[in-house]
Amino acid sequence: MYVVDTYNPRAVVNYHAMGNVIFHKYKGDKATMKGVEKLTSGIKKITGYSYLGTSPGPGFANYLVRKRRIPSTTVEIGKYTTPVPIGQFKTVWKQNKNVMAAVAKLYE
């Protein structure tokens, strides 16, 4: 919260490990949800990950979208286990290395 309060980001990408999916269905106002769609579609194009509704239970992305009106998403990397095995690193890196630069460009 310190980082959000200090820097007031225009979007937030949360990285977690397990599933190769993007959580994208949150409950927010129309403008914020349009931002979530913009954010997640850009990440989907880069990574090739599929969409998977909302993350179970409360989470940081849910909070940011609902309460702070900041477009946010959770990206789950790796295939099956946590922590992601080192053998998956090259694939995960290749899929995700351009995400943050692309998100920054979307919100410049």
PDB file of N, CA and C in Angstrom:
ATOM      1  N   MET A   1       0.824  -1.186   0.000  1.00  0.00           N
ATOM      2  CA  MET A   1       0.000   0.000   0.000  1.00  0.00           C
ATOM      3  C   MET A   1       0.871   1.255   0.000  1.00  0.00           C
ATOM      4  N   TYR A   2       2.038   1.182   0.632  1.00  0.00           N
ATOM      5  CA  TYR A   2       2.937   2.330   0.652  1.00  0.00           C
ATOM      6  C   TYR A   2       3.289   2.756  -0.776  1.00  0.00           C
ATOM      7  N   VAL A   3       3.597   1.803  -1.631  1.00  0.00           N
ATOM      8  CA  VAL A   3       3.966   2.119  -3.018  1.00  0.00           C
ATOM      9  C   VAL A   3       2.781   2.737  -3.757  1.00  0.00           C
ATOM     10  N   VAL A   4       1.599   2.183  -3.585  1.00  0.00           N
ATOM     11  CA  VAL A   4       0.402   2.724  -4.240  1.00  0.00           C
ATOM     12  C   VAL A   4       0.116   4.129  -3.731  1.00  0.00           C
ATOM     13  N   ASP A   5       0.176   4.329  -2.429  1.00  0.00           N
ATOM     14  CA  ASP A   5      -0.094   5.646  -1.859  1.00  0.00           C
ATOM     15  C   ASP A   5       0.965   6.674  -2.252  1.00  0.00           C
ATOM     16  N   THR A   6       2.195   6.235  -2.372  1.00  0.00           N
ATOM     17  CA  THR A   6       3.296   7.149  -2.688  1.00  0.00           C
ATOM     18  C   THR A   6       3.339   7.517  -4.165  1.00  0.00           C
ATOM     19  N   TYR A   7       3.129   6.537  -5.042  1.00  0.00           N
ATOM     20  CA  TYR A   7       3.318   6.765  -6.474  1.00  0.00           C
ATOM     21  C   TYR A   7       2.042   6.876  -7.282  1.00  0.00           C
ATOM     22  N   ASN A   8       0.899   6.533  -6.700  1.00  0.00           N
ATOM     23  CA  ASN A   8      -0.389   6.639  -7.384  1.00  0.00           C
ATOM     24  C   ASN A   8      -0.330   6.065  -8.804  1.00  0.00           C
ATOM     25  N   PRO A   9      -0.096   4.768  -8.939  1.00  0.00           N
ATOM     26  CA  PRO A   9       0.055   4.165 -10.270  1.00  0.00           C
ATOM     27  C   PRO A   9      -1.228   4.235 -11.087  1.00  0.00           C
ATOM     28  N   ARG A  10      -1.054   4.258 -12.387  1.00  0.00           N
ATOM     29  CA  ARG A  10      -2.205   4.276 -13.290  1.00  0.00           C
ATOM     30  C   ARG A  10      -2.706   2.870 -13.574  1.00  0.00           C
ATOM     31  N   ALA A  11      -1.876   1.850 -13.292  1.00  0.00           N
ATOM     32  CA  ALA A  11      -2.246   0.437 -13.443  1.00  0.00           C
ATOM     33  C   ALA A  11      -1.269  -0.389 -12.611  1.00  0.00           C
ATOM     34  N   VAL A  12      -1.712  -1.585 -12.221  1.00  0.00           N
ATOM     35  CA  VAL A  12      -0.865  -2.478 -11.434  1.00  0.00           C
ATOM     36  C   VAL A  12      -0.975  -3.898 -11.975  1.00  0.00           C
ATOM     37  N   VAL A  13       0.184  -4.533 -12.157  1.00  0.00           N
ATOM     38  CA  VAL A  13       0.243  -5.937 -12.560  1.00  0.00           C
ATOM     39  C   VAL A  13       0.813  -6.718 -11.379  1.00  0.00           C
ATOM     40  N   ASN A  14       0.056  -7.692 -10.915  1.00  0.00           N
ATOM     41  CA  ASN A  14       0.474  -8.566  -9.823  1.00  0.00           C
ATOM     42  C   ASN A  14       0.940  -9.885 -10.425  1.00  0.00           C
ATOM     43  N   TYR A  15       2.138 -10.307 -10.084  1.00  0.00           N
ATOM     44  CA  TYR A  15       2.640 -11.592 -10.554  1.00  0.00           C
ATOM     45  C   TYR A  15       2.576 -12.617  -9.437  1.00  0.00           C
ATOM     46  N   HIS A  16       2.006 -13.782  -9.755  1.00  0.00           N
ATOM     47  CA  HIS A  16       1.951 -14.926  -8.856  1.00  0.00           C
ATOM     48  C   HIS A  16       2.453 -16.136  -9.647  1.00  0.00           C
ATOM     49  N   ALA A  17       2.615 -17.236  -8.975  1.00  0.00           N
ATOM     50  CA  ALA A  17       3.159 -18.415  -9.640  1.00  0.00           C
ATOM     51  C   ALA A  17       2.194 -19.585  -9.624  1.00  0.00           C
ATOM     52  N   MET A  18       1.731 -19.963 -10.769  1.00  0.00           N
ATOM     53  CA  MET A  18       1.065 -21.229 -11.032  1.00  0.00           C
ATOM     54  C   MET A  18      -0.168 -21.073 -11.920  1.00  0.00           C
ATOM     55  N   GLY A  19      -0.048 -21.479 -13.144  1.00  0.00           N
ATOM     56  CA  GLY A  19      -1.223 -21.604 -13.980  1.00  0.00           C
ATOM     57  C   GLY A  19      -1.183 -21.035 -15.384  1.00  0.00           C
ATOM     58  N   ASN A  20      -0.254 -20.124 -15.707  1.00  0.00           N
ATOM     59  CA  ASN A  20      -0.228 -19.510 -17.040  1.00  0.00           C
ATOM     60  C   ASN A  20      -1.579 -18.900 -17.409  1.00  0.00           C
ATOM     61  N   VAL A  21      -2.153 -18.141 -16.480  1.00  0.00           N
ATOM     62  CA  VAL A  21      -3.457 -17.501 -16.707  1.00  0.00           C
ATOM     63  C   VAL A  21      -3.423 -16.044 -16.249  1.00  0.00           C
ATOM     64  N   ILE A  22      -4.437 -15.310 -16.693  1.00  0.00           N
ATOM     65  CA  ILE A  22      -4.613 -13.913 -16.308  1.00  0.00           C
ATOM     66  C   ILE A  22      -6.002 -13.777 -15.682  1.00  0.00           C
ATOM     67  N   PHE A  23      -6.040 -13.318 -14.452  1.00  0.00           N
ATOM     68  CA  PHE A  23      -7.332 -13.032 -13.829  1.00  0.00           C
ATOM     69  C   PHE A  23      -7.779 -11.647 -14.294  1.00  0.00           C
ATOM     70  N   HIS A  24      -9.028 -11.557 -14.737  1.00  0.00           N
ATOM     71  CA  HIS A  24      -9.469 -10.301 -15.353  1.00  0.00           C
ATOM     72  C   HIS A  24     -10.889  -9.859 -15.017  1.00  0.00           C
ATOM     73  N   LYS A  25     -11.664 -10.675 -14.367  1.00  0.00           N
ATOM     74  CA  LYS A  25     -13.052 -10.300 -14.070  1.00  0.00           C
ATOM     75  C   LYS A  25     -13.170  -9.830 -12.634  1.00  0.00           C
ATOM     76  N   TYR A  26     -13.152  -8.534 -12.478  1.00  0.00           N
ATOM     77  CA  TYR A  26     -13.297  -7.935 -11.156  1.00  0.00           C
ATOM     78  C   TYR A  26     -14.593  -7.139 -11.150  1.00  0.00           C
ATOM     79  N   LYS A  27     -14.994  -6.662  -9.998  1.00  0.00           N
ATOM     80  CA  LYS A  27     -16.200  -5.845  -9.900  1.00  0.00           C
ATOM     81  C   LYS A  27     -15.771  -4.413  -9.634  1.00  0.00           C
ATOM     82  N   GLY A  28     -15.865  -3.597 -10.668  1.00  0.00           N
ATOM     83  CA  GLY A  28     -15.490  -2.201 -10.538  1.00  0.00           C
ATOM     84  C   GLY A  28     -16.379  -1.334 -11.391  1.00  0.00           C
ATOM     85  N   ASP A  29     -16.202  -0.033 -11.287  1.00  0.00           N
ATOM     86  CA  ASP A  29     -16.996   0.867 -12.104  1.00  0.00           C
ATOM     87  C   ASP A  29     -16.604   0.722 -13.578  1.00  0.00           C
ATOM     88  N   LYS A  30     -17.430   1.242 -14.441  1.00  0.00           N
ATOM     89  CA  LYS A  30     -17.267   1.057 -15.888  1.00  0.00           C
ATOM     90  C   LYS A  30     -15.911   1.548 -16.398  1.00  0.00           C
ATOM     91  N   ALA A  31     -15.483   2.715 -15.970  1.00  0.00           N
ATOM     92  CA  ALA A  31     -14.212   3.275 -16.435  1.00  0.00           C
ATOM     93  C   ALA A  31     -13.034   2.412 -15.986  1.00  0.00           C
ATOM     94  N   THR A  32     -13.051   1.962 -14.744  1.00  0.00           N
ATOM     95  CA  THR A  32     -11.961   1.118 -14.247  1.00  0.00           C
ATOM     96  C   THR A  32     -11.941  -0.213 -14.975  1.00  0.00           C
ATOM     97  N   MET A  33     -13.097  -0.786 -15.210  1.00  0.00           N
ATOM     98  CA  MET A  33     -13.159  -2.064 -15.908  1.00  0.00           C
ATOM     99  C   MET A  33     -12.690  -1.942 -17.359  1.00  0.00           C
ATOM    100  N   LYS A  34     -12.922  -0.791 -17.968  1.00  0.00           N
ATOM    101  CA  LYS A  34     -12.388  -0.560 -19.310  1.00  0.00           C
ATOM    102  C   LYS A  34     -10.852  -0.567 -19.253  1.00  0.00           C
ATOM    103  N   GLY A  35     -10.301   0.008 -18.196  1.00  0.00           N
ATOM    104  CA  GLY A  35      -8.854  -0.016 -17.999  1.00  0.00           C
ATOM    105  C   GLY A  35      -8.333  -1.421 -17.753  1.00  0.00           C
ATOM    106  N   VAL A  36      -9.085  -2.227 -16.999  1.00  0.00           N
ATOM    107  CA  VAL A  36      -8.702  -3.620 -16.760  1.00  0.00           C
ATOM    108  C   VAL A  36      -8.681  -4.381 -18.077  1.00  0.00           C
ATOM    109  N   GLU A  37      -9.679  -4.144 -18.910  1.00  0.00           N
ATOM    110  CA  GLU A  37      -9.739  -4.811 -20.216  1.00  0.00           C
ATOM    111  C   GLU A  37      -8.535  -4.427 -21.079  1.00  0.00           C
ATOM    112  N   LYS A  38      -8.210  -3.149 -21.103  1.00  0.00           N
ATOM    113  CA  LYS A  38      -7.047  -2.667 -21.859  1.00  0.00           C
ATOM    114  C   LYS A  38      -5.766  -3.322 -21.344  1.00  0.00           C
ATOM    115  N   LEU A  39      -5.619  -3.363 -20.045  1.00  0.00           N
ATOM    116  CA  LEU A  39      -4.445  -3.935 -19.406  1.00  0.00           C
ATOM    117  C   LEU A  39      -4.322  -5.426 -19.700  1.00  0.00           C
ATOM    118  N   THR A  40      -5.389  -6.173 -19.455  1.00  0.00           N
ATOM    119  CA  THR A  40      -5.315  -7.624 -19.604  1.00  0.00           C
ATOM    120  C   THR A  40      -5.223  -8.067 -21.052  1.00  0.00           C
ATOM    121  N   SER A  41      -5.864  -7.363 -21.957  1.00  0.00           N
ATOM    122  CA  SER A  41      -5.763  -7.764 -23.366  1.00  0.00           C
ATOM    123  C   SER A  41      -4.339  -7.556 -23.883  1.00  0.00           C
ATOM    124  N   GLY A  42      -3.680  -6.494 -23.422  1.00  0.00           N
ATOM    125  CA  GLY A  42      -2.291  -6.278 -23.814  1.00  0.00           C
ATOM    126  C   GLY A  42      -1.381  -7.367 -23.286  1.00  0.00           C
ATOM    127  N   ILE A  43      -1.591  -7.760 -22.038  1.00  0.00           N
ATOM    128  CA  ILE A  43      -0.778  -8.817 -21.443  1.00  0.00           C
ATOM    129  C   ILE A  43      -1.053 -10.153 -22.128  1.00  0.00           C
ATOM    130  N   LYS A  44      -2.303 -10.419 -22.443  1.00  0.00           N
ATOM    131  CA  LYS A  44      -2.675 -11.674 -23.126  1.00  0.00           C
ATOM    132  C   LYS A  44      -1.982 -11.782 -24.475  1.00  0.00           C
ATOM    133  N   LYS A  45      -1.943 -10.672 -25.222  1.00  0.00           N
ATOM    134  CA  LYS A  45      -1.289 -10.682 -26.536  1.00  0.00           C
ATOM    135  C   LYS A  45       0.196 -10.996 -26.424  1.00  0.00           C
ATOM    136  N   ILE A  46       0.831 -10.475 -25.403  1.00  0.00           N
ATOM    137  CA  ILE A  46       2.264 -10.681 -25.231  1.00  0.00           C
ATOM    138  C   ILE A  46       2.579 -12.089 -24.722  1.00  0.00           C
ATOM    139  N   THR A  47       1.860 -12.531 -23.702  1.00  0.00           N
ATOM    140  CA  THR A  47       2.197 -13.802 -23.044  1.00  0.00           C
ATOM    141  C   THR A  47       1.560 -15.025 -23.679  1.00  0.00           C
ATOM    142  N   GLY A  48       0.392 -14.835 -24.289  1.00  0.00           N
ATOM    143  CA  GLY A  48      -0.344 -15.982 -24.806  1.00  0.00           C
ATOM    144  C   GLY A  48      -1.132 -16.710 -23.727  1.00  0.00           C
ATOM    145  N   TYR A  49      -1.122 -16.191 -22.494  1.00  0.00           N
ATOM    146  CA  TYR A  49      -1.867 -16.808 -21.403  1.00  0.00           C
ATOM    147  C   TYR A  49      -3.364 -16.641 -21.648  1.00  0.00           C
ATOM    148  N   SER A  50      -4.149 -17.549 -21.098  1.00  0.00           N
ATOM    149  CA  SER A  50      -5.600 -17.453 -21.238  1.00  0.00           C
ATOM    150  C   SER A  50      -6.183 -16.705 -20.038  1.00  0.00           C
ATOM    151  N   TYR A  51      -7.430 -16.275 -20.205  1.00  0.00           N
ATOM    152  CA  TYR A  51      -8.147 -15.606 -19.127  1.00  0.00           C
ATOM    153  C   TYR A  51      -8.755 -16.649 -18.194  1.00  0.00           C
ATOM    154  N   LEU A  52      -8.866 -16.295 -16.911  1.00  0.00           N
ATOM    155  CA  LEU A  52      -9.504 -17.187 -15.953  1.00  0.00           C
ATOM    156  C   LEU A  52     -10.268 -16.370 -14.920  1.00  0.00           C
ATOM    157  N   GLY A  53     -11.327 -15.737 -15.290  1.00  0.00           N
ATOM    158  CA  GLY A  53     -12.217 -15.061 -14.352  1.00  0.00           C
ATOM    159  C   GLY A  53     -11.530 -14.241 -13.286  1.00  0.00           C
ATOM    160  N   THR A  54     -11.990 -14.379 -12.040  1.00  0.00           N
ATOM    161  CA  THR A  54     -11.395 -13.644 -10.922  1.00  0.00           C
ATOM    162  C   THR A  54     -10.609 -14.597 -10.044  1.00  0.00           C
ATOM    163  N   SER A  55      -9.622 -14.036  -9.367  1.00  0.00           N
ATOM    164  CA  SER A  55      -8.859 -14.853  -8.438  1.00  0.00           C
ATOM    165  C   SER A  55      -9.740 -15.181  -7.240  1.00  0.00           C
ATOM    166  N   PRO A  56      -9.566 -16.362  -6.665  1.00  0.00           N
ATOM    167  CA  PRO A  56     -10.412 -16.751  -5.534  1.00  0.00           C
ATOM    168  C   PRO A  56     -10.100 -15.912  -4.293  1.00  0.00           C
ATOM    169  N   GLY A  57     -11.125 -15.498  -3.617  1.00  0.00           N
ATOM    170  CA  GLY A  57     -10.953 -14.746  -2.381  1.00  0.00           C
ATOM    171  C   GLY A  57     -10.493 -13.319  -2.602  1.00  0.00           C
ATOM    172  N   PRO A  58     -10.301 -12.598  -1.501  1.00  0.00           N
ATOM    173  CA  PRO A  58      -9.857 -11.218  -1.620  1.00  0.00           C
ATOM    174  C   PRO A  58      -8.395 -11.178  -2.069  1.00  0.00           C
ATOM    175  N   GLY A  59      -8.053 -10.137  -2.744  1.00  0.00           N
ATOM    176  CA  GLY A  59      -6.677  -9.986  -3.198  1.00  0.00           C
ATOM    177  C   GLY A  59      -6.377  -8.541  -3.513  1.00  0.00           C
ATOM    178  N   PHE A  60      -5.121  -8.274  -3.766  1.00  0.00           N
ATOM    179  CA  PHE A  60      -4.681  -6.912  -4.014  1.00  0.00           C
ATOM    180  C   PHE A  60      -5.310  -6.340  -5.282  1.00  0.00           C
ATOM    181  N   ALA A  61      -5.361  -7.128  -6.359  1.00  0.00           N
ATOM    182  CA  ALA A  61      -5.975  -6.638  -7.597  1.00  0.00           C
ATOM    183  C   ALA A  61      -7.448  -6.308  -7.375  1.00  0.00           C
ATOM    184  N   ASN A  62      -8.154  -7.191  -6.670  1.00  0.00           N
ATOM    185  CA  ASN A  62      -9.572  -6.928  -6.364  1.00  0.00           C
ATOM    186  C   ASN A  62      -9.723  -5.613  -5.617  1.00  0.00           C
ATOM    187  N   TYR A  63      -8.896  -5.409  -4.612  1.00  0.00           N
ATOM    188  CA  TYR A  63      -8.951  -4.188  -3.814  1.00  0.00           C
ATOM    189  C   TYR A  63      -8.697  -2.954  -4.671  1.00  0.00           C
ATOM    190  N   LEU A  64      -7.647  -3.007  -5.496  1.00  0.00           N
ATOM    191  CA  LEU A  64      -7.312  -1.846  -6.313  1.00  0.00           C
ATOM    192  C   LEU A  64      -8.424  -1.486  -7.281  1.00  0.00           C
ATOM    193  N   VAL A  65      -9.029  -2.490  -7.891  1.00  0.00           N
ATOM    194  CA  VAL A  65     -10.109  -2.240  -8.852  1.00  0.00           C
ATOM    195  C   VAL A  65     -11.352  -1.714  -8.137  1.00  0.00           C
ATOM    196  N   ARG A  66     -11.758  -2.370  -7.059  1.00  0.00           N
ATOM    197  CA  ARG A  66     -13.004  -2.004  -6.378  1.00  0.00           C
ATOM    198  C   ARG A  66     -12.915  -0.716  -5.570  1.00  0.00           C
ATOM    199  N   LYS A  67     -11.878  -0.604  -4.780  1.00  0.00           N
ATOM    200  CA  LYS A  67     -11.804   0.501  -3.829  1.00  0.00           C
ATOM    201  C   LYS A  67     -10.983   1.689  -4.304  1.00  0.00           C
ATOM    202  N   ARG A  68      -9.941   1.439  -5.050  1.00  0.00           N
ATOM    203  CA  ARG A  68      -9.052   2.520  -5.461  1.00  0.00           C
ATOM    204  C   ARG A  68      -9.261   2.952  -6.909  1.00  0.00           C
ATOM    205  N   ARG A  69     -10.043   2.160  -7.650  1.00  0.00           N
ATOM    206  CA  ARG A  69     -10.341   2.446  -9.063  1.00  0.00           C
ATOM    207  C   ARG A  69      -9.072   2.522  -9.910  1.00  0.00           C
ATOM    208  N   ILE A  70      -8.172   1.596  -9.649  1.00  0.00           N
ATOM    209  CA  ILE A  70      -6.930   1.473 -10.407  1.00  0.00           C
ATOM    210  C   ILE A  70      -7.001   0.175 -11.198  1.00  0.00           C
ATOM    211  N   PRO A  71      -6.891   0.229 -12.525  1.00  0.00           N
ATOM    212  CA  PRO A  71      -6.874  -1.009 -13.300  1.00  0.00           C
ATOM    213  C   PRO A  71      -5.754  -1.922 -12.798  1.00  0.00           C
ATOM    214  N   SER A  72      -6.101  -3.165 -12.545  1.00  0.00           N
ATOM    215  CA  SER A  72      -5.145  -4.116 -11.996  1.00  0.00           C
ATOM    216  C   SER A  72      -5.509  -5.512 -12.447  1.00  0.00           C
ATOM    217  N   THR A  73      -4.520  -6.383 -12.454  1.00  0.00           N
ATOM    218  CA  THR A  73      -4.739  -7.771 -12.817  1.00  0.00           C
ATOM    219  C   THR A  73      -3.715  -8.634 -12.120  1.00  0.00           C
ATOM    220  N   THR A  74      -3.997  -9.914 -12.055  1.00  0.00           N
ATOM    221  CA  THR A  74      -3.047 -10.882 -11.525  1.00  0.00           C
ATOM    222  C   THR A  74      -2.671 -11.834 -12.644  1.00  0.00           C
ATOM    223  N   VAL A  75      -1.368 -11.963 -12.861  1.00  0.00           N
ATOM    224  CA  VAL A  75      -0.831 -12.858 -13.885  1.00  0.00           C
ATOM    225  C   VAL A  75      -0.179 -14.032 -13.156  1.00  0.00           C
ATOM    226  N   GLU A  76      -0.634 -15.220 -13.474  1.00  0.00           N
ATOM    227  CA  GLU A  76      -0.080 -16.440 -12.881  1.00  0.00           C
ATOM    228  C   GLU A  76       0.889 -17.065 -13.878  1.00  0.00           C
ATOM    229  N   ILE A  77       2.152 -17.163 -13.480  1.00  0.00           N
ATOM    230  CA  ILE A  77       3.180 -17.730 -14.358  1.00  0.00           C
ATOM    231  C   ILE A  77       3.446 -19.186 -13.980  1.00  0.00           C
ATOM    232  N   GLY A  78       4.112 -19.899 -14.853  1.00  0.00           N
ATOM    233  CA  GLY A  78       4.465 -21.288 -14.567  1.00  0.00           C
ATOM    234  C   GLY A  78       3.303 -22.217 -14.828  1.00  0.00           C
ATOM    235  N   LYS A  79       3.618 -23.491 -14.959  1.00  0.00           N
ATOM    236  CA  LYS A  79       2.589 -24.454 -15.336  1.00  0.00           C
ATOM    237  C   LYS A  79       1.831 -25.062 -14.165  1.00  0.00           C
ATOM    238  N   TYR A  80       2.548 -25.733 -13.251  1.00  0.00           N
ATOM    239  CA  TYR A  80       1.825 -26.568 -12.311  1.00  0.00           C
ATOM    240  C   TYR A  80       2.146 -26.374 -10.839  1.00  0.00           C
ATOM    241  N   THR A  81       3.361 -26.027 -10.502  1.00  0.00           N
ATOM    242  CA  THR A  81       3.745 -26.019  -9.095  1.00  0.00           C
ATOM    243  C   THR A  81       4.310 -24.682  -8.658  1.00  0.00           C
ATOM    244  N   THR A  82       4.296 -24.483  -7.342  1.00  0.00           N
ATOM    245  CA  THR A  82       4.904 -23.316  -6.738  1.00  0.00           C
ATOM    246  C   THR A  82       5.939 -23.820  -5.746  1.00  0.00           C
ATOM    247  N   PRO A  83       7.136 -23.354  -5.754  1.00  0.00           N
ATOM    248  CA  PRO A  83       7.664 -22.361  -6.674  1.00  0.00           C
ATOM    249  C   PRO A  83       7.833 -22.936  -8.077  1.00  0.00           C
ATOM    250  N   VAL A  84       7.872 -22.043  -9.056  1.00  0.00           N
ATOM    251  CA  VAL A  84       8.031 -22.458 -10.445  1.00  0.00           C
ATOM    252  C   VAL A  84       9.409 -23.107 -10.587  1.00  0.00           C
ATOM    253  N   PRO A  85       9.469 -24.313 -11.145  1.00  0.00           N
ATOM    254  CA  PRO A  85      10.759 -24.982 -11.319  1.00  0.00           C
ATOM    255  C   PRO A  85      11.691 -24.174 -12.228  1.00  0.00           C
ATOM    256  N   ILE A  86      12.962 -24.196 -11.911  1.00  0.00           N
ATOM    257  CA  ILE A  86      13.959 -23.458 -12.683  1.00  0.00           C
ATOM    258  C   ILE A  86      13.930 -23.861 -14.163  1.00  0.00           C
ATOM    259  N   GLY A  87      13.532 -25.064 -14.460  1.00  0.00           N
ATOM    260  CA  GLY A  87      13.443 -25.529 -15.845  1.00  0.00           C
ATOM    261  C   GLY A  87      12.413 -24.767 -16.671  1.00  0.00           C
ATOM    262  N   GLN A  88      11.490 -24.079 -16.018  1.00  0.00           N
ATOM    263  CA  GLN A  88      10.485 -23.290 -16.729  1.00  0.00           C
ATOM    264  C   GLN A  88      10.905 -21.831 -16.908  1.00  0.00           C
ATOM    265  N   PHE A  89      12.038 -21.459 -16.329  1.00  0.00           N
ATOM    266  CA  PHE A  89      12.439 -20.057 -16.332  1.00  0.00           C
ATOM    267  C   PHE A  89      12.550 -19.470 -17.732  1.00  0.00           C
ATOM    268  N   LYS A  90      13.208 -20.147 -18.655  1.00  0.00           N
ATOM    269  CA  LYS A  90      13.392 -19.595 -20.000  1.00  0.00           C
ATOM    270  C   LYS A  90      12.050 -19.314 -20.668  1.00  0.00           C
ATOM    271  N   THR A  91      11.119 -20.227 -20.528  1.00  0.00           N
ATOM    272  CA  THR A  91       9.796 -20.033 -21.136  1.00  0.00           C
ATOM    273  C   THR A  91       9.057 -18.873 -20.474  1.00  0.00           C
ATOM    274  N   VAL A  92       9.058 -18.849 -19.146  1.00  0.00           N
ATOM    275  CA  VAL A  92       8.368 -17.778 -18.416  1.00  0.00           C
ATOM    276  C   VAL A  92       8.983 -16.430 -18.771  1.00  0.00           C
ATOM    277  N   TRP A  93      10.299 -16.360 -18.809  1.00  0.00           N
ATOM    278  CA  TRP A  93      10.985 -15.113 -19.147  1.00  0.00           C
ATOM    279  C   TRP A  93      10.614 -14.666 -20.562  1.00  0.00           C
ATOM    280  N   LYS A  94      10.659 -15.592 -21.511  1.00  0.00           N
ATOM    281  CA  LYS A  94      10.337 -15.260 -22.905  1.00  0.00           C
ATOM    282  C   LYS A  94       8.905 -14.715 -23.011  1.00  0.00           C
ATOM    283  N   GLN A  95       7.978 -15.304 -22.277  1.00  0.00           N
ATOM    284  CA  GLN A  95       6.583 -14.875 -22.335  1.00  0.00           C
ATOM    285  C   GLN A  95       6.346 -13.537 -21.636  1.00  0.00           C
ATOM    286  N   ASN A  96       7.128 -13.204 -20.630  1.00  0.00           N
ATOM    287  CA  ASN A  96       6.835 -12.057 -19.782  1.00  0.00           C
ATOM    288  C   ASN A  96       7.829 -10.900 -19.835  1.00  0.00           C
ATOM    289  N   LYS A  97       8.954 -11.064 -20.485  1.00  0.00           N
ATOM    290  CA  LYS A  97      10.005 -10.048 -20.420  1.00  0.00           C
ATOM    291  C   LYS A  97       9.574  -8.682 -20.951  1.00  0.00           C
ATOM    292  N   ASN A  98       8.595  -8.627 -21.834  1.00  0.00           N
ATOM    293  CA  ASN A  98       8.161  -7.353 -22.408  1.00  0.00           C
ATOM    294  C   ASN A  98       6.879  -6.797 -21.795  1.00  0.00           C
ATOM    295  N   VAL A  99       6.324  -7.490 -20.822  1.00  0.00           N
ATOM    296  CA  VAL A  99       5.040  -7.075 -20.254  1.00  0.00           C
ATOM    297  C   VAL A  99       5.118  -5.695 -19.606  1.00  0.00           C
ATOM    298  N   MET A 100       6.055  -5.483 -18.729  1.00  0.00           N
ATOM    299  CA  MET A 100       6.093  -4.213 -17.993  1.00  0.00           C
ATOM    300  C   MET A 100       6.354  -3.026 -18.915  1.00  0.00           C
ATOM    301  N   ALA A 101       7.220  -3.190 -19.892  1.00  0.00           N
ATOM    302  CA  ALA A 101       7.459  -2.102 -20.842  1.00  0.00           C
ATOM    303  C   ALA A 101       6.189  -1.806 -21.642  1.00  0.00           C
ATOM    304  N   ALA A 102       5.468  -2.848 -22.044  1.00  0.00           N
ATOM    305  CA  ALA A 102       4.229  -2.656 -22.802  1.00  0.00           C
ATOM    306  C   ALA A 102       3.157  -1.985 -21.951  1.00  0.00           C
ATOM    307  N   VAL A 103       3.055  -2.371 -20.680  1.00  0.00           N
ATOM    308  CA  VAL A 103       2.074  -1.751 -19.783  1.00  0.00           C
ATOM    309  C   VAL A 103       2.436  -0.285 -19.557  1.00  0.00           C
ATOM    310  N   ALA A 104       3.705  -0.011 -19.361  1.00  0.00           N
ATOM    311  CA  ALA A 104       4.139   1.399 -19.188  1.00  0.00           C
ATOM    312  C   ALA A 104       3.772   2.215 -20.419  1.00  0.00           C
ATOM    313  N   LYS A 105       3.941   1.642 -21.597  1.00  0.00           N
ATOM    314  CA  LYS A 105       3.614   2.356 -22.836  1.00  0.00           C
ATOM    315  C   LYS A 105       2.096   2.590 -22.941  1.00  0.00           C
ATOM    316  N   LEU A 106       1.295   1.609 -22.504  1.00  0.00           N
ATOM    317  CA  LEU A 106      -0.159   1.786 -22.532  1.00  0.00           C
ATOM    318  C   LEU A 106      -0.627   2.949 -21.666  1.00  0.00           C
ATOM    319  N   TYR A 107       0.122   3.222 -20.603  1.00  0.00           N
ATOM    320  CA  TYR A 107      -0.310   4.213 -19.627  1.00  0.00           C
ATOM    321  C   TYR A 107       0.598   5.436 -19.550  1.00  0.00           C
ATOM    322  N   GLU A 108       1.390   5.692 -20.607  1.00  0.00           N
ATOM    323  CA  GLU A 108       2.277   6.872 -20.561  1.00  0.00           C
ATOM    324  C   GLU A 108       1.520   8.162 -20.737  1.00  0.00           C
TER     325      GLU A 108
END
